[in-house]
PDB file of all heavy atoms in Angstrom:
ATOM      1  N   PRO A   1       0.809  -1.232   0.000  1.00  0.00           N
ATOM      2  CA  PRO A   1       0.000   0.000   0.000  1.00  0.00           C
ATOM      3  C   PRO A   1       0.836   1.274   0.000  1.00  0.00           C
ATOM      4  O   PRO A   1       0.320   2.355  -0.271  1.00  0.00           O
ATOM      5  CB  PRO A   1      -0.834  -0.119   1.282  1.00  0.00           C
ATOM      6  CG  PRO A   1      -0.105  -1.090   2.140  1.00  0.00           C
ATOM      7  CD  PRO A   1       0.656  -2.007   1.233  1.00  0.00           C
ATOM      8  N   ASN A   2       2.130   1.173   0.274  1.00  0.00           N
ATOM      9  CA  ASN A   2       2.995   2.355   0.251  1.00  0.00           C
ATOM     10  C   ASN A   2       3.287   2.837  -1.165  1.00  0.00           C
ATOM     11  O   ASN A   2       3.853   3.913  -1.343  1.00  0.00           O
ATOM     12  CB  ASN A   2       4.316   2.058   0.976  1.00  0.00           C
ATOM     13  CG  ASN A   2       4.088   1.803   2.448  1.00  0.00           C
ATOM     14  OD1 ASN A   2       3.289   2.483   3.082  1.00  0.00           O
ATOM     15  ND2 ASN A   2       4.770   0.806   2.985  1.00  0.00           N
ATOM     16  N   TYR A   3       2.942   2.025  -2.170  1.00  0.00           N
ATOM     17  CA  TYR A   3       3.150   2.388  -3.567  1.00  0.00           C
ATOM     18  C   TYR A   3       1.835   2.227  -4.330  1.00  0.00           C
ATOM     19  O   TYR A   3       1.667   1.296  -5.092  1.00  0.00           O
ATOM     20  CB  TYR A   3       4.257   1.523  -4.181  1.00  0.00           C
ATOM     21  CG  TYR A   3       5.579   1.711  -3.497  1.00  0.00           C
ATOM     22  CD1 TYR A   3       5.967   0.871  -2.471  1.00  0.00           C
ATOM     23  CD2 TYR A   3       6.413   2.759  -3.864  1.00  0.00           C
ATOM     24  CE1 TYR A   3       7.183   1.055  -1.821  1.00  0.00           C
ATOM     25  CE2 TYR A   3       7.633   2.953  -3.221  1.00  0.00           C
ATOM     26  CZ  TYR A   3       8.001   2.097  -2.194  1.00  0.00           C
ATOM     27  OH  TYR A   3       9.193   2.302  -1.557  1.00  0.00           O
ATOM     28  N   PRO A   4       0.917   3.157  -4.121  1.00  0.00           N
ATOM     29  CA  PRO A   4      -0.414   3.005  -4.709  1.00  0.00           C
ATOM     30  C   PRO A   4      -0.432   2.942  -6.231  1.00  0.00           C
ATOM     31  O   PRO A   4      -1.324   2.334  -6.815  1.00  0.00           O
ATOM     32  CB  PRO A   4      -1.185   4.220  -4.197  1.00  0.00           C
ATOM     33  CG  PRO A   4      -0.149   5.195  -3.755  1.00  0.00           C
ATOM     34  CD  PRO A   4       1.065   4.395  -3.363  1.00  0.00           C
ATOM     35  N   GLN A   5       0.565   3.542  -6.902  1.00  0.00           N
ATOM     36  CA  GLN A   5       0.583   3.510  -8.357  1.00  0.00           C
ATOM     37  C   GLN A   5       0.858   2.107  -8.898  1.00  0.00           C
ATOM     38  O   GLN A   5       0.526   1.806 -10.047  1.00  0.00           O
ATOM     39  CB  GLN A   5       1.591   4.525  -8.927  1.00  0.00           C
ATOM     40  CG  GLN A   5       3.045   4.165  -8.717  1.00  0.00           C
ATOM     41  CD  GLN A   5       3.611   4.548  -7.348  1.00  0.00           C
ATOM     42  OE1 GLN A   5       2.883   4.834  -6.405  1.00  0.00           O
ATOM     43  NE2 GLN A   5       4.925   4.538  -7.246  1.00  0.00           N
ATOM     44  N   LEU A   6       1.466   1.228  -8.100  1.00  0.00           N
ATOM     45  CA  LEU A   6       1.760  -0.144  -8.527  1.00  0.00           C
ATOM     46  C   LEU A   6       0.826  -1.171  -7.899  1.00  0.00           C
ATOM     47  O   LEU A   6       0.815  -2.332  -8.311  1.00  0.00           O
ATOM     48  CB  LEU A   6       3.207  -0.514  -8.155  1.00  0.00           C
ATOM     49  CG  LEU A   6       4.298   0.319  -8.794  1.00  0.00           C
ATOM     50  CD1 LEU A   6       5.662  -0.101  -8.265  1.00  0.00           C
ATOM     51  CD2 LEU A   6       4.257   0.203 -10.292  1.00  0.00           C
ATOM     52  N   TYR A   7       0.054  -0.762  -6.927  1.00  0.00           N
ATOM     53  CA  TYR A   7      -0.780  -1.692  -6.167  1.00  0.00           C
ATOM     54  C   TYR A   7      -1.719  -2.479  -7.093  1.00  0.00           C
ATOM     55  O   TYR A   7      -2.461  -1.913  -7.877  1.00  0.00           O
ATOM     56  CB  TYR A   7      -1.607  -0.933  -5.126  1.00  0.00           C
ATOM     57  CG  TYR A   7      -2.335  -1.822  -4.155  1.00  0.00           C
ATOM     58  CD1 TYR A   7      -1.692  -2.272  -3.022  1.00  0.00           C
ATOM     59  CD2 TYR A   7      -3.643  -2.220  -4.381  1.00  0.00           C
ATOM     60  CE1 TYR A   7      -2.339  -3.102  -2.120  1.00  0.00           C
ATOM     61  CE2 TYR A   7      -4.300  -3.043  -3.496  1.00  0.00           C
ATOM     62  CZ  TYR A   7      -3.641  -3.490  -2.365  1.00  0.00           C
ATOM     63  OH  TYR A   7      -4.289  -4.309  -1.482  1.00  0.00           O
ATOM     64  N   GLY A   8      -1.640  -3.797  -7.003  1.00  0.00           N
ATOM     65  CA  GLY A   8      -2.495  -4.672  -7.804  1.00  0.00           C
ATOM     66  C   GLY A   8      -1.839  -5.190  -9.065  1.00  0.00           C
ATOM     67  O   GLY A   8      -2.384  -6.049  -9.745  1.00  0.00           O
ATOM     68  N   SER A   9      -0.653  -4.687  -9.400  1.00  0.00           N
ATOM     69  CA  SER A   9      -0.004  -5.083 -10.650  1.00  0.00           C
ATOM     70  C   SER A   9       0.764  -6.396 -10.506  1.00  0.00           C
ATOM     71  O   SER A   9       1.029  -6.860  -9.409  1.00  0.00           O
ATOM     72  CB  SER A   9       0.945  -3.978 -11.120  1.00  0.00           C
ATOM     73  OG  SER A   9       2.037  -3.842 -10.232  1.00  0.00           O
ATOM     74  N   PHE A  10       1.099  -6.963 -11.649  1.00  0.00           N
ATOM     75  CA  PHE A  10       1.926  -8.167 -11.722  1.00  0.00           C
ATOM     76  C   PHE A  10       3.154  -7.846 -12.562  1.00  0.00           C
ATOM     77  O   PHE A  10       3.069  -7.117 -13.544  1.00  0.00           O
ATOM     78  CB  PHE A  10       1.157  -9.325 -12.363  1.00  0.00           C
ATOM     79  CG  PHE A  10       0.149  -9.956 -11.456  1.00  0.00           C
ATOM     80  CD1 PHE A  10      -1.116  -9.401 -11.314  1.00  0.00           C
ATOM     81  CD2 PHE A  10       0.449 -11.106 -10.746  1.00  0.00           C
ATOM     82  CE1 PHE A  10      -2.057  -9.977 -10.485  1.00  0.00           C
ATOM     83  CE2 PHE A  10      -0.486 -11.698  -9.915  1.00  0.00           C
ATOM     84  CZ  PHE A  10      -1.746 -11.128  -9.776  1.00  0.00           C
ATOM     85  N   GLN A  11       4.272  -8.436 -12.166  1.00  0.00           N
ATOM     86  CA  GLN A  11       5.547  -8.215 -12.848  1.00  0.00           C
ATOM     87  C   GLN A  11       5.539  -8.777 -14.260  1.00  0.00           C
ATOM     88  O   GLN A  11       4.971  -9.829 -14.505  1.00  0.00           O
ATOM     89  CB  GLN A  11       6.617  -8.957 -12.055  1.00  0.00           C
ATOM     90  CG  GLN A  11       7.890  -8.256 -11.906  1.00  0.00           C
ATOM     91  CD  GLN A  11       8.840  -9.064 -11.031  1.00  0.00           C
ATOM     92  OE1 GLN A  11       8.759 -10.269 -10.938  1.00  0.00           O
ATOM     93  NE2 GLN A  11       9.744  -8.365 -10.396  1.00  0.00           N
ATOM     94  N   ASN A  12       6.226  -8.078 -15.145  1.00  0.00           N
ATOM     95  CA  ASN A  12       6.446  -8.661 -16.461  1.00  0.00           C
ATOM     96  C   ASN A  12       7.825  -9.301 -16.477  1.00  0.00           C
ATOM     97  O   ASN A  12       8.500  -9.355 -15.451  1.00  0.00           O
ATOM     98  CB  ASN A  12       6.252  -7.636 -17.582  1.00  0.00           C
ATOM     99  CG  ASN A  12       7.361  -6.604 -17.648  1.00  0.00           C
ATOM    100  OD1 ASN A  12       8.428  -6.750 -17.054  1.00  0.00           O
ATOM    101  ND2 ASN A  12       7.109  -5.539 -18.375  1.00  0.00           N
ATOM    102  N   THR A  13       8.275  -9.770 -17.599  1.00  0.00           N
ATOM    103  CA  THR A  13       9.531 -10.502 -17.700  1.00  0.00           C
ATOM    104  C   THR A  13      10.735  -9.664 -17.306  1.00  0.00           C
ATOM    105  O   THR A  13      11.676 -10.163 -16.700  1.00  0.00           O
ATOM    106  CB  THR A  13       9.713 -11.039 -19.131  1.00  0.00           C
ATOM    107  OG1 THR A  13       8.551 -11.795 -19.445  1.00  0.00           O
ATOM    108  CG2 THR A  13      10.914 -11.938 -19.237  1.00  0.00           C
ATOM    109  N   THR A  14      10.720  -8.394 -17.604  1.00  0.00           N
ATOM    110  CA  THR A  14      11.885  -7.549 -17.334  1.00  0.00           C
ATOM    111  C   THR A  14      11.882  -6.976 -15.929  1.00  0.00           C
ATOM    112  O   THR A  14      12.792  -6.249 -15.565  1.00  0.00           O
ATOM    113  CB  THR A  14      11.946  -6.391 -18.346  1.00  0.00           C
ATOM    114  OG1 THR A  14      10.757  -5.612 -18.225  1.00  0.00           O
ATOM    115  CG2 THR A  14      12.108  -6.905 -19.754  1.00  0.00           C
ATOM    116  N   GLY A  15      10.882  -7.293 -15.135  1.00  0.00           N
ATOM    117  CA  GLY A  15      10.842  -6.819 -13.760  1.00  0.00           C
ATOM    118  C   GLY A  15       9.958  -5.606 -13.550  1.00  0.00           C
ATOM    119  O   GLY A  15       9.626  -5.282 -12.429  1.00  0.00           O
ATOM    120  N   GLY A  16       9.570  -4.925 -14.611  1.00  0.00           N
ATOM    121  CA  GLY A  16       8.694  -3.776 -14.482  1.00  0.00           C
ATOM    122  C   GLY A  16       7.248  -4.217 -14.288  1.00  0.00           C
ATOM    123  O   GLY A  16       6.911  -5.378 -14.411  1.00  0.00           O
ATOM    124  N   ARG A  17       6.407  -3.277 -13.963  1.00  0.00           N
ATOM    125  CA  ARG A  17       4.973  -3.576 -13.814  1.00  0.00           C
ATOM    126  C   ARG A  17       4.283  -3.145 -15.092  1.00  0.00           C
ATOM    127  O   ARG A  17       4.468  -2.034 -15.564  1.00  0.00           O
ATOM    128  CB  ARG A  17       4.377  -2.820 -12.629  1.00  0.00           C
ATOM    129  CG  ARG A  17       5.129  -3.013 -11.352  1.00  0.00           C
ATOM    130  CD  ARG A  17       4.887  -4.370 -10.763  1.00  0.00           C
ATOM    131  NE  ARG A  17       5.851  -4.612  -9.697  1.00  0.00           N
ATOM    132  CZ  ARG A  17       5.895  -5.692  -8.986  1.00  0.00           C
ATOM    133  NH1 ARG A  17       5.055  -6.662  -9.203  1.00  0.00           N
ATOM    134  NH2 ARG A  17       6.787  -5.844  -8.055  1.00  0.00           N
ATOM    135  N   LYS A  18       3.475  -3.999 -15.659  1.00  0.00           N
ATOM    136  CA  LYS A  18       2.867  -3.692 -16.953  1.00  0.00           C
ATOM    137  C   LYS A  18       1.421  -4.145 -17.000  1.00  0.00           C
ATOM    138  O   LYS A  18       1.005  -5.055 -16.294  1.00  0.00           O
ATOM    139  CB  LYS A  18       3.639  -4.371 -18.083  1.00  0.00           C
ATOM    140  CG  LYS A  18       5.060  -3.926 -18.228  1.00  0.00           C
ATOM    141  CD  LYS A  18       5.122  -2.524 -18.789  1.00  0.00           C
ATOM    142  CE  LYS A  18       6.556  -2.094 -18.958  1.00  0.00           C
ATOM    143  NZ  LYS A  18       6.716  -0.705 -19.160  1.00  0.00           N
ATOM    144  N   ASN A  19       0.690  -3.531 -17.914  1.00  0.00           N
ATOM    145  CA  ASN A  19      -0.718  -3.879 -18.104  1.00  0.00           C
ATOM    146  C   ASN A  19      -0.913  -5.309 -18.594  1.00  0.00           C
ATOM    147  O   ASN A  19      -1.801  -6.011 -18.118  1.00  0.00           O
ATOM    148  CB  ASN A  19      -1.355  -2.940 -19.118  1.00  0.00           C
ATOM    149  CG  ASN A  19      -1.604  -1.571 -18.551  1.00  0.00           C
ATOM    150  OD1 ASN A  19      -1.232  -1.275 -17.429  1.00  0.00           O
ATOM    151  ND2 ASN A  19      -2.221  -0.727 -19.335  1.00  0.00           N
ATOM    152  N   LEU A  20      -0.117  -5.711 -19.573  1.00  0.00           N
ATOM    153  CA  LEU A  20      -0.321  -7.041 -20.150  1.00  0.00           C
ATOM    154  C   LEU A  20      -0.141  -8.135 -19.118  1.00  0.00           C
ATOM    155  O   LEU A  20      -0.965  -9.051 -19.023  1.00  0.00           O
ATOM    156  CB  LEU A  20       0.615  -7.271 -21.342  1.00  0.00           C
ATOM    157  CG  LEU A  20       0.500  -8.633 -22.028  1.00  0.00           C
ATOM    158  CD1 LEU A  20      -0.920  -8.887 -22.529  1.00  0.00           C
ATOM    159  CD2 LEU A  20       1.513  -8.744 -23.165  1.00  0.00           C
ATOM    160  N   SER A  21       0.914  -8.070 -18.326  1.00  0.00           N
ATOM    161  CA  SER A  21       1.129  -9.108 -17.318  1.00  0.00           C
ATOM    162  C   SER A  21       0.006  -9.117 -16.291  1.00  0.00           C
ATOM    163  O   SER A  21      -0.440 -10.180 -15.848  1.00  0.00           O
ATOM    164  CB  SER A  21       2.493  -8.944 -16.645  1.00  0.00           C
ATOM    165  OG  SER A  21       2.621  -7.671 -16.066  1.00  0.00           O
ATOM    166  N   THR A  22      -0.489  -7.948 -15.927  1.00  0.00           N
ATOM    167  CA  THR A  22      -1.583  -7.870 -14.957  1.00  0.00           C
ATOM    168  C   THR A  22      -2.877  -8.416 -15.557  1.00  0.00           C
ATOM    169  O   THR A  22      -3.597  -9.173 -14.910  1.00  0.00           O
ATOM    170  CB  THR A  22      -1.768  -6.417 -14.476  1.00  0.00           C
ATOM    171  OG1 THR A  22      -0.537  -5.984 -13.884  1.00  0.00           O
ATOM    172  CG2 THR A  22      -2.886  -6.305 -13.454  1.00  0.00           C
ATOM    173  N   ALA A  23      -3.155  -8.071 -16.803  1.00  0.00           N
ATOM    174  CA  ALA A  23      -4.364  -8.581 -17.462  1.00  0.00           C
ATOM    175  C   ALA A  23      -4.302 -10.105 -17.607  1.00  0.00           C
ATOM    176  O   ALA A  23      -5.293 -10.800 -17.363  1.00  0.00           O
ATOM    177  CB  ALA A  23      -4.543  -7.925 -18.826  1.00  0.00           C
ATOM    178  N   LEU A  24      -3.143 -10.630 -17.994  1.00  0.00           N
ATOM    179  CA  LEU A  24      -2.997 -12.084 -18.139  1.00  0.00           C
ATOM    180  C   LEU A  24      -3.140 -12.794 -16.788  1.00  0.00           C
ATOM    181  O   LEU A  24      -3.798 -13.826 -16.688  1.00  0.00           O
ATOM    182  CB  LEU A  24      -1.645 -12.425 -18.770  1.00  0.00           C
ATOM    183  CG  LEU A  24      -1.481 -12.086 -20.244  1.00  0.00           C
ATOM    184  CD1 LEU A  24      -0.016 -12.209 -20.658  1.00  0.00           C
ATOM    185  CD2 LEU A  24      -2.367 -12.974 -21.105  1.00  0.00           C
ATOM    186  N   ALA A  25      -2.531 -12.233 -15.752  1.00  0.00           N
ATOM    187  CA  ALA A  25      -2.611 -12.850 -14.420  1.00  0.00           C
ATOM    188  C   ALA A  25      -4.043 -12.819 -13.891  1.00  0.00           C
ATOM    189  O   ALA A  25      -4.526 -13.814 -13.334  1.00  0.00           O
ATOM    190  CB  ALA A  25      -1.662 -12.154 -13.454  1.00  0.00           C
ATOM    191  N   CYS A  26      -4.729 -11.694 -14.067  1.00  0.00           N
ATOM    192  CA  CYS A  26      -6.136 -11.615 -13.625  1.00  0.00           C
ATOM    193  C   CYS A  26      -7.002 -12.602 -14.400  1.00  0.00           C
ATOM    194  O   CYS A  26      -7.855 -13.277 -13.811  1.00  0.00           O
ATOM    195  CB  CYS A  26      -6.671 -10.197 -13.785  1.00  0.00           C
ATOM    196  SG  CYS A  26      -6.031  -9.039 -12.566  1.00  0.00           S
ATOM    197  N   SER A  27      -6.761 -12.712 -15.697  1.00  0.00           N
ATOM    198  CA  SER A  27      -7.512 -13.682 -16.501  1.00  0.00           C
ATOM    199  C   SER A  27      -7.234 -15.101 -16.040  1.00  0.00           C
ATOM    200  O   SER A  27      -8.147 -15.927 -15.958  1.00  0.00           O
ATOM    201  CB  SER A  27      -7.145 -13.539 -17.981  1.00  0.00           C
ATOM    202  OG  SER A  27      -7.545 -12.290 -18.468  1.00  0.00           O
ATOM    203  N   ALA A  28      -5.974 -15.401 -15.718  1.00  0.00           N
ATOM    204  CA  ALA A  28      -5.624 -16.734 -15.223  1.00  0.00           C
ATOM    205  C   ALA A  28      -6.336 -17.027 -13.912  1.00  0.00           C
ATOM    206  O   ALA A  28      -6.872 -18.126 -13.720  1.00  0.00           O
ATOM    207  CB  ALA A  28      -4.107 -16.856 -15.054  1.00  0.00           C
ATOM    208  N   LEU A  29      -6.353 -16.060 -13.013  1.00  0.00           N
ATOM    209  CA  LEU A  29      -7.058 -16.261 -11.737  1.00  0.00           C
ATOM    210  C   LEU A  29      -8.542 -16.500 -11.968  1.00  0.00           C
ATOM    211  O   LEU A  29      -9.141 -17.401 -11.367  1.00  0.00           O
ATOM    212  CB  LEU A  29      -6.837 -15.059 -10.815  1.00  0.00           C
ATOM    213  CG  LEU A  29      -5.445 -14.939 -10.201  1.00  0.00           C
ATOM    214  CD1 LEU A  29      -5.261 -13.566  -9.554  1.00  0.00           C
ATOM    215  CD2 LEU A  29      -5.195 -16.051  -9.191  1.00  0.00           C
ATOM    216  N   ILE A  30      -9.137 -15.715 -12.833  1.00  0.00           N
ATOM    217  CA  ILE A  30     -10.562 -15.898 -13.142  1.00  0.00           C
ATOM    218  C   ILE A  30     -10.790 -17.267 -13.769  1.00  0.00           C
ATOM    219  O   ILE A  30     -11.753 -17.954 -13.445  1.00  0.00           O
ATOM    220  CB  ILE A  30     -11.075 -14.753 -14.039  1.00  0.00           C
ATOM    221  CG1 ILE A  30     -11.096 -13.444 -13.242  1.00  0.00           C
ATOM    222  CG2 ILE A  30     -12.456 -15.074 -14.604  1.00  0.00           C
ATOM    223  CD1 ILE A  30     -11.282 -12.196 -14.085  1.00  0.00           C
ATOM    224  N   ASN A  31      -9.889 -17.686 -14.659  1.00  0.00           N
ATOM    225  CA  ASN A  31     -10.004 -19.018 -15.271  1.00  0.00           C
ATOM    226  C   ASN A  31      -9.951 -20.136 -14.230  1.00  0.00           C
ATOM    227  O   ASN A  31     -10.603 -21.159 -14.383  1.00  0.00           O
ATOM    228  CB  ASN A  31      -8.890 -19.248 -16.297  1.00  0.00           C
ATOM    229  CG  ASN A  31      -9.097 -18.485 -17.583  1.00  0.00           C
ATOM    230  OD1 ASN A  31     -10.197 -18.012 -17.865  1.00  0.00           O
ATOM    231  ND2 ASN A  31      -8.044 -18.357 -18.356  1.00  0.00           N
ATOM    232  N   MET A  32      -9.152 -19.959 -13.194  1.00  0.00           N
ATOM    233  CA  MET A  32      -9.038 -20.979 -12.148  1.00  0.00           C
ATOM    234  C   MET A  32     -10.341 -21.106 -11.377  1.00  0.00           C
ATOM    235  O   MET A  32     -10.733 -22.203 -10.998  1.00  0.00           O
ATOM    236  CB  MET A  32      -7.901 -20.631 -11.198  1.00  0.00           C
ATOM    237  CG  MET A  32      -6.540 -20.746 -11.833  1.00  0.00           C
ATOM    238  SD  MET A  32      -5.285 -20.287 -10.619  1.00  0.00           S
ATOM    239  CE  MET A  32      -4.008 -19.702 -11.702  1.00  0.00           C
ATOM    240  N   GLY A  33     -10.957 -19.999 -11.106  1.00  0.00           N
ATOM    241  CA  GLY A  33     -12.276 -19.999 -10.496  1.00  0.00           C
ATOM    242  C   GLY A  33     -12.310 -19.932  -8.985  1.00  0.00           C
ATOM    243  O   GLY A  33     -11.372 -20.312  -8.285  1.00  0.00           O
TER     244      GLY A  33
END
Protein backbone atom coordinates (compact mmCIF):
# COMPACT_ATOMS: atom_id res chain seq x y z
CA PRO A 1 0.00 0.00 0.00
CA ASN A 2 3.00 2.36 0.25
CA TYR A 3 3.15 2.39 -3.57
CA PRO A 4 -0.41 3.00 -4.71
CA GLN A 5 0.58 3.51 -8.36
CA LEU A 6 1.76 -0.14 -8.53
CA TYR A 7 -0.78 -1.69 -6.17
CA GLY A 8 -2.50 -4.67 -7.80
CA SER A 9 0.00 -5.08 -10.65
CA PHE A 10 1.93 -8.17 -11.72
CA GLN A 11 5.55 -8.22 -12.85
CA ASN A 12 6.45 -8.66 -16.46
CA THR A 13 9.53 -10.50 -17.70
CA THR A 14 11.88 -7.55 -17.33
CA GLY A 15 10.84 -6.82 -13.76
CA GLY A 16 8.69 -3.78 -14.48
CA ARG A 17 4.97 -3.58 -13.81
CA LYS A 18 2.87 -3.69 -16.95
CA ASN A 19 -0.72 -3.88 -18.10
CA LEU A 20 -0.32 -7.04 -20.15
CA SER A 21 1.13 -9.11 -17.32
CA THR A 22 -1.58 -7.87 -14.96
CA ALA A 23 -4.36 -8.58 -17.46
CA LEU A 24 -3.00 -12.08 -18.14
CA ALA A 25 -2.61 -12.85 -14.42
CA CYS A 26 -6.14 -11.61 -13.63
CA SER A 27 -7.51 -13.68 -16.50
CA ALA A 28 -5.62 -16.73 -15.22
CA LEU A 29 -7.06 -16.26 -11.74
CA ILE A 30 -10.56 -15.90 -13.14
CA ASN A 31 -10.00 -19.02 -15.27
CA MET A 32 -9.04 -20.98 -12.15
CA GLY A 33 -12.28 -20.00 -10.50
